[in-house]
N, C-alpha and C. Protein backbone atom coordinates (compact mmCIF):
# COMPACT_ATOMS: atom_id res chain seq x y z
N UNK A 1 0.87 -1.11 -0.04
CA UNK A 1 0.01 0.01 0.02
C UNK A 1 0.82 1.24 0.01
N UNK A 2 0.59 1.93 -1.00
CA UNK A 2 1.31 3.11 -1.16
C UNK A 2 0.42 4.28 -0.54
N UNK A 3 1.08 4.99 0.18
CA UNK A 3 0.41 6.20 0.78
C UNK A 3 0.66 7.38 -0.20
N UNK A 4 -0.36 8.12 -0.35
CA UNK A 4 -0.23 9.26 -1.32
C UNK A 4 0.78 10.18 -0.72
N UNK A 5 1.55 10.75 -1.59
CA UNK A 5 2.54 11.78 -1.07
C UNK A 5 1.82 12.92 -0.35
N UNK A 6 2.44 13.40 0.67
CA UNK A 6 1.86 14.57 1.39
C UNK A 6 2.27 15.84 0.63
N UNK A 7 1.20 16.58 0.45
CA UNK A 7 1.46 17.82 -0.17
C UNK A 7 1.66 18.87 0.90
N UNK A 8 2.82 19.54 0.93
CA UNK A 8 3.01 20.42 2.08
C UNK A 8 2.15 21.61 1.97
N UNK A 9 1.73 21.99 0.82
CA UNK A 9 0.81 23.14 0.62
C UNK A 9 -0.57 22.92 1.26
N UNK A 10 -1.06 21.67 1.04
CA UNK A 10 -2.40 21.28 1.57
C UNK A 10 -2.32 21.27 3.14
N UNK A 11 -1.29 20.70 3.64
CA UNK A 11 -1.16 20.59 5.07
C UNK A 11 -1.06 21.96 5.71
N UNK A 12 -0.38 22.93 5.14
CA UNK A 12 -0.25 24.27 5.69
C UNK A 12 -1.79 24.91 5.60
N UNK A 13 -2.40 24.69 4.52
CA UNK A 13 -3.74 25.33 4.36
C UNK A 13 -4.70 24.75 5.46
N UNK A 14 -4.66 23.47 5.75
CA UNK A 14 -5.46 22.87 6.86
C UNK A 14 -5.01 23.52 8.13
N UNK A 15 -3.87 23.65 8.51
CA UNK A 15 -3.43 24.24 9.78
C UNK A 15 -3.88 25.73 9.77
N UNK A 16 -3.75 26.42 8.72
CA UNK A 16 -4.27 27.80 8.63
C UNK A 16 -5.77 27.93 8.80
N UNK A 17 -6.48 26.97 8.19
CA UNK A 17 -7.92 26.96 8.32
C UNK A 17 -8.32 26.79 9.80
N UNK A 18 -7.60 25.80 10.46
CA UNK A 18 -8.00 25.45 11.78
C UNK A 18 -7.61 26.65 12.70
N UNK A 19 -6.57 27.31 12.40
CA UNK A 19 -6.11 28.50 13.16
C UNK A 19 -7.15 29.62 12.95
N UNK A 20 -7.64 29.83 11.76
CA UNK A 20 -8.67 30.78 11.47
C UNK A 20 -9.89 30.61 12.28
N UNK A 21 -10.32 29.31 12.29
CA UNK A 21 -11.53 28.94 13.04
C UNK A 21 -11.31 29.19 14.50
N UNK A 22 -10.19 28.90 15.02
CA UNK A 22 -9.83 29.01 16.45
C UNK A 22 -9.81 30.53 16.81
N UNK A 23 -9.23 31.32 15.94
CA UNK A 23 -9.11 32.82 16.16
C UNK A 23 -10.54 33.38 16.09
N UNK A 24 -11.40 32.94 15.20
CA UNK A 24 -12.71 33.42 15.06
C UNK A 24 -13.55 33.05 16.29
N UNK A 25 -13.33 31.92 16.88
CA UNK A 25 -14.13 31.43 18.09
C UNK A 25 -13.68 32.24 19.26
N UNK A 26 -12.33 32.48 19.38
CA UNK A 26 -11.81 33.30 20.46
C UNK A 26 -12.31 34.77 20.40
N UNK A 27 -12.35 35.23 19.19
CA UNK A 27 -12.81 36.65 18.96
C UNK A 27 -14.31 36.76 19.36
N UNK A 28 -15.08 35.78 18.97
CA UNK A 28 -16.50 35.78 19.35
C UNK A 28 -16.72 35.66 20.83
N UNK A 29 -16.02 34.74 21.39
CA UNK A 29 -16.17 34.50 22.85
C UNK A 29 -15.68 35.63 23.59
N UNK A 30 -14.48 36.24 23.25
CA UNK A 30 -14.02 37.42 23.91
C UNK A 30 -14.92 38.62 23.78
N UNK A 31 -15.43 38.83 22.58
CA UNK A 31 -16.30 39.97 22.30
C UNK A 31 -17.54 39.82 23.13
N UNK A 32 -18.15 38.68 23.16
CA UNK A 32 -19.38 38.46 23.89
C UNK A 32 -19.08 38.64 25.32
N UNK A 33 -18.06 38.07 25.82
CA UNK A 33 -17.63 38.22 27.29
C UNK A 33 -17.42 39.67 27.63
N UNK A 34 -16.74 40.40 26.80
CA UNK A 34 -16.48 41.86 27.04
C UNK A 34 -17.78 42.63 27.01
N UNK A 35 -18.68 42.32 26.11
CA UNK A 35 -19.93 42.98 26.06
C UNK A 35 -20.74 42.80 27.32
N UNK A 36 -20.89 41.54 27.73
CA UNK A 36 -21.71 41.19 28.94
C UNK A 36 -21.08 41.72 30.16
N UNK A 37 -19.73 41.72 30.27
CA UNK A 37 -19.06 42.21 31.48
C UNK A 37 -19.23 43.76 31.45
N UNK A 38 -19.15 44.31 30.33
CA UNK A 38 -19.25 45.75 30.18
C UNK A 38 -20.66 46.28 30.59
N UNK A 39 -21.69 45.53 30.20
CA UNK A 39 -23.03 45.96 30.50
C UNK A 39 -23.33 45.70 32.01
N UNK A 40 -22.92 44.59 32.52
CA UNK A 40 -23.24 44.27 33.86
C UNK A 40 -22.36 45.08 34.81
N UNK A 41 -21.20 45.45 34.37
CA UNK A 41 -20.25 46.20 35.26
C UNK A 41 -20.53 47.72 35.23
N UNK A 42 -21.44 48.13 34.36
CA UNK A 42 -21.79 49.56 34.36
C UNK A 42 -22.48 49.97 35.60
N UNK A 43 -22.12 51.09 36.17
CA UNK A 43 -22.82 51.56 37.26
C UNK A 43 -24.16 52.00 36.81
N UNK A 44 -25.15 51.82 37.64
CA UNK A 44 -26.51 52.24 37.32
C UNK A 44 -26.44 53.85 37.27
N UNK A 45 -27.10 54.39 36.36
CA UNK A 45 -27.07 55.82 36.21
C UNK A 45 -27.66 56.44 37.46
N UNK A 46 -26.82 57.44 37.84
CA UNK A 46 -27.17 58.13 39.12
C UNK A 46 -28.23 59.21 38.78
N UNK A 47 -28.97 59.66 39.63
CA UNK A 47 -29.91 60.75 39.25
C UNK A 47 -29.10 61.97 38.93
N UNK A 48 -29.52 62.81 38.08
CA UNK A 48 -28.88 64.00 37.68
C UNK A 48 -28.81 64.92 38.86
N UNK A 49 -27.57 65.36 39.23
CA UNK A 49 -27.47 66.34 40.33
C UNK A 49 -27.50 67.72 39.75
N UNK A 50 -28.46 68.51 40.19
CA UNK A 50 -28.62 69.84 39.72
C UNK A 50 -28.20 70.84 40.78
N UNK A 51 -27.58 71.87 40.42
CA UNK A 51 -27.20 72.85 41.41
C UNK A 51 -28.40 73.64 41.86
N UNK A 52 -28.71 73.62 43.11
CA UNK A 52 -29.78 74.41 43.71
C UNK A 52 -29.17 75.69 44.37
N UNK A 53 -29.99 76.67 44.43
CA UNK A 53 -29.55 77.97 44.97
C UNK A 53 -30.52 78.51 46.04
N UNK A 54 -29.97 79.17 47.05
CA UNK A 54 -30.80 79.71 48.05
C UNK A 54 -30.66 81.32 47.75
N UNK A 55 -31.85 81.94 47.60
CA UNK A 55 -31.87 83.36 47.41
C UNK A 55 -32.52 84.01 48.51
N UNK A 56 -31.81 84.92 49.26
CA UNK A 56 -32.40 85.69 50.27
C UNK A 56 -32.88 87.01 49.60
N UNK A 57 -34.18 87.15 49.69
CA UNK A 57 -34.76 88.37 49.01
C UNK A 57 -34.72 89.58 49.91
N UNK A 58 -35.16 89.48 51.09
CA UNK A 58 -35.00 90.72 52.01
C UNK A 58 -35.33 90.13 53.46
N UNK A 59 -35.14 91.08 54.40
CA UNK A 59 -35.35 90.79 55.77
C UNK A 59 -36.21 91.87 56.35
N UNK A 60 -37.30 91.47 57.05
CA UNK A 60 -38.15 92.45 57.79
C UNK A 60 -37.74 92.43 59.33
N UNK A 61 -37.29 93.62 59.77
CA UNK A 61 -36.95 93.77 61.18
C UNK A 61 -36.95 95.19 61.40
N UNK A 62 -37.42 95.61 62.57
CA UNK A 62 -37.40 97.04 62.90
C UNK A 62 -36.12 97.56 63.20
N UNK A 63 -35.15 96.75 63.72
CA UNK A 63 -33.74 97.18 63.94
C UNK A 63 -32.91 96.71 62.82
N UNK A 64 -31.63 96.37 63.21
CA UNK A 64 -30.69 95.90 62.23
C UNK A 64 -30.43 94.47 62.49
N UNK A 65 -30.20 93.75 61.30
CA UNK A 65 -30.00 92.22 61.47
C UNK A 65 -28.96 91.82 60.51
N UNK A 66 -28.24 90.79 60.96
CA UNK A 66 -27.36 89.97 60.03
C UNK A 66 -27.83 88.55 60.13
N UNK A 67 -27.96 87.89 59.03
CA UNK A 67 -28.46 86.53 58.97
C UNK A 67 -27.38 85.58 58.59
N UNK A 68 -27.41 84.50 59.38
CA UNK A 68 -26.42 83.38 59.00
C UNK A 68 -27.25 82.13 58.62
N UNK A 69 -27.11 81.61 57.52
CA UNK A 69 -27.82 80.51 57.00
C UNK A 69 -26.80 79.36 57.07
N UNK A 70 -27.18 78.24 57.65
CA UNK A 70 -26.39 77.06 57.70
C UNK A 70 -27.04 75.94 56.89
N UNK A 71 -26.30 75.50 55.91
CA UNK A 71 -26.80 74.38 55.01
C UNK A 71 -25.82 73.28 55.06
N UNK A 72 -26.18 72.19 55.68
CA UNK A 72 -25.25 71.03 55.79
C UNK A 72 -23.93 71.41 56.37
N UNK A 73 -23.81 72.31 57.32
CA UNK A 73 -22.63 72.73 57.98
C UNK A 73 -21.89 73.83 57.24
N UNK A 74 -22.42 74.33 56.13
CA UNK A 74 -21.81 75.40 55.42
C UNK A 74 -22.55 76.72 55.80
N UNK A 75 -21.85 77.65 56.20
CA UNK A 75 -22.52 78.92 56.62
C UNK A 75 -22.41 80.04 55.53
N UNK A 76 -23.47 80.66 55.31
CA UNK A 76 -23.54 81.90 54.46
C UNK A 76 -24.09 83.03 55.25
N UNK A 77 -23.53 84.18 54.93
CA UNK A 77 -23.87 85.32 55.74
C UNK A 77 -24.49 86.40 54.86
N UNK A 78 -25.65 86.95 55.33
CA UNK A 78 -26.37 87.84 54.55
C UNK A 78 -26.73 89.06 55.43
N UNK A 79 -26.41 90.27 54.97
CA UNK A 79 -25.90 90.62 53.60
C UNK A 79 -24.40 90.37 53.62
N UNK A 80 -23.87 90.20 52.44
CA UNK A 80 -22.46 89.89 52.33
C UNK A 80 -21.68 91.20 51.97
N UNK A 81 -22.44 92.15 51.49
CA UNK A 81 -21.73 93.44 51.10
C UNK A 81 -21.89 94.60 52.09
N UNK A 82 -22.66 94.36 53.04
CA UNK A 82 -22.92 95.37 54.15
C UNK A 82 -22.85 94.68 55.48
N UNK A 83 -22.93 95.38 56.53
CA UNK A 83 -22.83 94.90 57.88
C UNK A 83 -24.27 94.51 58.28
N UNK A 84 -25.20 95.35 58.02
CA UNK A 84 -26.60 95.02 58.55
C UNK A 84 -27.62 95.17 57.36
N UNK A 85 -28.79 94.55 57.77
CA UNK A 85 -29.97 94.68 56.88
C UNK A 85 -31.13 94.87 57.83
N UNK A 86 -32.35 95.10 57.32
CA UNK A 86 -33.51 95.33 58.08
C UNK A 86 -34.36 96.47 57.36
N UNK A 87 -35.51 96.84 58.03
CA UNK A 87 -36.33 97.72 57.49
C UNK A 87 -35.66 99.14 57.28
N UNK A 88 -34.68 99.43 58.18
CA UNK A 88 -34.09 100.74 58.17
C UNK A 88 -32.82 100.73 57.28
N UNK A 89 -32.33 99.45 56.97
CA UNK A 89 -31.14 99.42 56.07
C UNK A 89 -31.32 98.25 55.14
N UNK A 90 -32.27 98.35 54.18
CA UNK A 90 -32.52 97.25 53.32
C UNK A 90 -31.29 96.86 52.52
N UNK A 91 -31.14 95.58 52.23
CA UNK A 91 -30.01 95.16 51.38
C UNK A 91 -30.56 94.46 50.13
N UNK A 92 -29.81 94.37 49.06
CA UNK A 92 -30.18 93.73 47.85
C UNK A 92 -30.27 92.25 48.13
N UNK A 93 -31.10 91.64 47.28
CA UNK A 93 -31.22 90.12 47.42
C UNK A 93 -29.95 89.54 46.97
N UNK A 94 -29.61 88.37 47.57
CA UNK A 94 -28.32 87.70 47.21
C UNK A 94 -28.60 86.18 47.04
N UNK A 95 -27.78 85.59 46.13
CA UNK A 95 -27.92 84.14 45.84
C UNK A 95 -26.80 83.41 46.34
N UNK A 96 -27.02 82.25 46.96
CA UNK A 96 -25.93 81.40 47.50
C UNK A 96 -26.14 79.97 46.94
N UNK A 97 -24.97 79.43 46.52
CA UNK A 97 -25.07 78.06 46.01
C UNK A 97 -25.29 76.99 47.12
N UNK A 98 -26.23 76.15 46.96
CA UNK A 98 -26.36 75.07 47.96
C UNK A 98 -25.33 73.97 47.73
N UNK A 99 -24.86 73.33 48.71
CA UNK A 99 -23.86 72.24 48.38
C UNK A 99 -24.52 71.16 47.70
N UNK A 100 -23.71 70.38 46.80
CA UNK A 100 -24.34 69.29 46.12
C UNK A 100 -24.31 68.18 47.10
N UNK A 101 -25.57 67.71 47.46
CA UNK A 101 -25.78 66.73 48.44
C UNK A 101 -27.04 65.89 48.19
N UNK A 102 -27.17 64.76 48.75
CA UNK A 102 -28.40 63.98 48.67
C UNK A 102 -29.40 64.49 49.64
N UNK A 103 -29.02 65.22 50.67
CA UNK A 103 -30.01 65.67 51.60
C UNK A 103 -29.50 67.08 52.12
N UNK A 104 -30.50 67.93 52.42
CA UNK A 104 -30.19 69.34 52.96
C UNK A 104 -30.76 69.43 54.40
N UNK A 105 -29.98 70.05 55.23
CA UNK A 105 -30.38 70.54 56.55
C UNK A 105 -30.18 71.97 56.56
N UNK A 106 -31.25 72.72 56.62
CA UNK A 106 -31.19 74.23 56.60
C UNK A 106 -31.64 74.76 57.84
N UNK A 107 -30.82 75.75 58.43
CA UNK A 107 -31.22 76.46 59.59
C UNK A 107 -30.77 77.93 59.47
N UNK A 108 -31.49 78.76 60.19
CA UNK A 108 -31.13 80.20 60.17
C UNK A 108 -30.86 80.67 61.59
N UNK A 109 -29.96 81.62 61.67
CA UNK A 109 -29.67 82.38 62.91
C UNK A 109 -29.48 83.85 62.57
N UNK A 110 -29.91 84.72 63.50
CA UNK A 110 -29.76 86.12 63.15
C UNK A 110 -29.02 86.76 64.33
N UNK A 111 -28.14 87.69 63.97
CA UNK A 111 -27.53 88.62 64.91
C UNK A 111 -28.31 89.93 64.73
N UNK A 112 -28.98 90.38 65.91
CA UNK A 112 -29.80 91.53 65.77
C UNK A 112 -29.32 92.69 66.66
N UNK A 113 -29.53 93.92 66.24
CA UNK A 113 -29.21 95.07 66.93
C UNK A 113 -30.58 95.83 67.04
N UNK A 114 -31.20 95.81 68.19
CA UNK A 114 -32.61 96.36 68.32
C UNK A 114 -32.66 97.85 67.95
N UNK A 115 -33.80 98.24 67.49
CA UNK A 115 -34.08 99.71 67.19
C UNK A 115 -34.06 100.56 68.40
N UNK A 116 -34.42 99.97 69.47
CA UNK A 116 -34.55 100.66 70.81
C UNK A 116 -33.09 100.82 71.33
N UNK A 117 -32.48 102.11 71.35
CA UNK A 117 -31.15 102.30 71.87
C UNK A 117 -30.90 101.94 73.25
N UNK A 118 -31.98 102.00 74.11
CA UNK A 118 -31.81 101.55 75.51
C UNK A 118 -31.53 100.17 75.69
N UNK A 119 -31.83 99.31 74.74
CA UNK A 119 -31.38 97.92 74.87
C UNK A 119 -29.95 97.62 74.56
N UNK A 120 -29.37 98.46 73.67
CA UNK A 120 -28.01 98.35 73.38
C UNK A 120 -27.54 96.96 72.93
N UNK A 121 -26.39 96.87 72.43
CA UNK A 121 -25.74 95.57 72.20
C UNK A 121 -26.27 94.80 70.96
N UNK A 122 -25.59 93.69 70.69
CA UNK A 122 -26.09 92.83 69.60
C UNK A 122 -26.46 91.45 70.23
N UNK A 123 -27.52 90.92 69.79
CA UNK A 123 -28.03 89.67 70.30
C UNK A 123 -28.26 88.67 69.20
N UNK A 124 -28.05 87.36 69.55
CA UNK A 124 -28.24 86.29 68.64
C UNK A 124 -29.65 85.78 68.93
N UNK A 125 -30.35 85.49 67.86
CA UNK A 125 -31.59 84.89 67.96
C UNK A 125 -31.74 83.69 66.98
N UNK A 126 -32.51 82.67 67.27
CA UNK A 126 -32.64 81.47 66.46
C UNK A 126 -33.91 81.59 65.74
N UNK A 127 -33.98 80.86 64.61
CA UNK A 127 -35.23 80.89 63.76
C UNK A 127 -36.03 79.58 63.96
N UNK A 128 -37.31 79.76 63.67
CA UNK A 128 -38.16 78.58 63.67
C UNK A 128 -37.84 77.73 62.41
N UNK A 129 -37.49 78.29 61.37
CA UNK A 129 -37.33 77.51 60.13
C UNK A 129 -36.13 76.67 60.20
N UNK A 130 -36.39 75.34 60.20
CA UNK A 130 -35.27 74.36 60.02
C UNK A 130 -35.84 73.33 59.25
N UNK A 131 -35.16 72.92 58.23
CA UNK A 131 -35.72 71.90 57.30
C UNK A 131 -34.62 70.83 56.94
N UNK A 132 -35.04 69.67 57.03
CA UNK A 132 -34.12 68.57 56.74
C UNK A 132 -34.91 67.75 55.67
N UNK A 133 -34.41 67.67 54.46
CA UNK A 133 -35.17 67.00 53.38
C UNK A 133 -34.24 66.32 52.27
N UNK A 134 -34.69 65.38 51.67
CA UNK A 134 -33.98 64.66 50.70
C UNK A 134 -34.02 65.60 49.44
N UNK A 135 -32.89 65.44 48.61
CA UNK A 135 -32.68 66.35 47.47
C UNK A 135 -33.85 66.36 46.51
N UNK A 136 -34.45 65.23 46.32
CA UNK A 136 -35.53 65.20 45.30
C UNK A 136 -36.81 65.75 45.92
N UNK A 137 -36.86 66.04 47.22
CA UNK A 137 -38.06 66.50 47.92
C UNK A 137 -37.94 67.94 48.34
N UNK A 138 -36.71 68.52 48.05
CA UNK A 138 -36.52 69.92 48.56
C UNK A 138 -37.60 70.83 48.02
N UNK A 139 -38.24 71.54 48.88
CA UNK A 139 -39.39 72.43 48.41
C UNK A 139 -38.70 73.63 47.81
N UNK A 140 -39.04 73.87 46.54
CA UNK A 140 -38.53 75.11 45.92
C UNK A 140 -39.66 76.26 46.03
N UNK A 141 -39.18 77.44 45.65
CA UNK A 141 -40.10 78.50 45.64
C UNK A 141 -39.86 79.39 46.74
N UNK A 142 -40.84 80.36 46.92
CA UNK A 142 -40.74 81.36 47.97
C UNK A 142 -41.06 80.80 49.27
N UNK A 143 -40.34 81.34 50.25
CA UNK A 143 -40.60 80.82 51.69
C UNK A 143 -40.25 81.96 52.64
N UNK A 144 -40.70 81.87 53.88
CA UNK A 144 -40.46 82.82 54.88
C UNK A 144 -39.95 82.06 56.21
N UNK A 145 -39.05 82.65 56.82
CA UNK A 145 -38.55 82.08 58.18
C UNK A 145 -38.79 83.21 59.15
N UNK A 146 -39.46 82.92 60.31
CA UNK A 146 -39.67 83.84 61.40
C UNK A 146 -38.77 83.49 62.60
N UNK A 147 -38.28 84.55 63.30
CA UNK A 147 -37.42 84.29 64.40
C UNK A 147 -38.15 84.05 65.73
N UNK A 148 -37.39 83.43 66.54
CA UNK A 148 -37.85 83.27 68.00
C UNK A 148 -36.75 83.74 68.84
N UNK A 149 -36.92 84.74 69.68
CA UNK A 149 -35.84 85.22 70.57
C UNK A 149 -35.50 84.20 71.57
N UNK A 150 -34.18 84.20 71.87
CA UNK A 150 -33.63 83.34 72.93
C UNK A 150 -34.15 83.77 74.33
N UNK A 151 -34.17 82.86 75.25
CA UNK A 151 -34.70 83.16 76.57
C UNK A 151 -33.89 84.28 77.19
N UNK A 152 -32.65 84.40 76.88
CA UNK A 152 -31.81 85.42 77.63
C UNK A 152 -31.84 86.73 76.86
N UNK A 153 -32.57 86.86 75.77
CA UNK A 153 -32.65 88.14 75.09
C UNK A 153 -33.50 89.09 75.84
N UNK A 154 -33.20 90.38 75.75
CA UNK A 154 -33.96 91.37 76.51
C UNK A 154 -35.45 91.38 75.94
N UNK A 155 -36.33 91.85 76.80
CA UNK A 155 -37.73 91.77 76.37
C UNK A 155 -38.08 92.64 75.15
N UNK A 156 -37.28 93.63 74.92
CA UNK A 156 -37.49 94.51 73.74
C UNK A 156 -37.23 93.85 72.39
N UNK A 157 -36.50 92.71 72.39
CA UNK A 157 -36.12 91.95 71.18
C UNK A 157 -37.38 91.02 70.92
N UNK A 158 -38.08 91.47 70.07
CA UNK A 158 -39.34 90.71 69.80
C UNK A 158 -39.51 90.37 68.30
N UNK A 159 -40.14 89.28 67.99
CA UNK A 159 -40.52 89.19 66.59
C UNK A 159 -41.35 90.40 66.24
N UNK A 160 -41.57 90.66 65.07
CA UNK A 160 -41.27 89.94 63.96
C UNK A 160 -39.92 90.19 63.39
N UNK A 161 -39.14 89.19 63.16
CA UNK A 161 -37.99 89.22 62.37
C UNK A 161 -38.24 88.16 61.29
N UNK A 162 -38.38 88.52 60.09
CA UNK A 162 -38.82 87.63 59.10
C UNK A 162 -37.75 87.67 57.86
N UNK A 163 -37.38 86.49 57.36
CA UNK A 163 -36.55 86.38 56.22
C UNK A 163 -37.36 85.88 55.08
N UNK A 164 -37.33 86.63 53.99
CA UNK A 164 -37.98 86.17 52.70
C UNK A 164 -36.95 85.51 51.80
N UNK A 165 -37.09 84.24 51.43
CA UNK A 165 -36.15 83.58 50.70
C UNK A 165 -36.72 82.58 49.65
N UNK A 166 -35.91 82.11 48.86
CA UNK A 166 -36.49 81.19 47.82
C UNK A 166 -35.33 80.13 47.61
N UNK A 167 -35.81 78.89 47.29
CA UNK A 167 -34.87 77.83 46.94
C UNK A 167 -35.17 77.52 45.46
N UNK A 168 -34.14 77.56 44.64
CA UNK A 168 -34.33 77.36 43.15
C UNK A 168 -33.46 76.26 42.78
């Protein structure tokens, strides 16, 4: 029995075809694996974080007042271009950027100088308005915050001290 002679060209072609099939399978497997890992490894899209602003429009108080707004531990002082505001010394409205956060805790404090000169001095007073809310639930639009004098404030320091503000 004579074996047919081996053609070296045919043998190379068979190896090349086998290699081509192997490369094609590896490419398909790798591409599929990459696609599935890429899709499953993607972080779920986070909600769009929008910059919110706190605008202090004006302050109603018969004396002089300086407002400190605390948002998540960040303090903003109003007015920022004058020392005092109030009915006697109105200040222009100012806009403050709220921190980018999932939740806001907002509180107001006021330093007041009463209109009655016999009371003298500067007193700190706390506000009723304090809000802790999730970012998606933050109430936007116009708001008012009224003050509550501290127990150690002189009797002449009385409300109304009202801050008109908006969250946008």
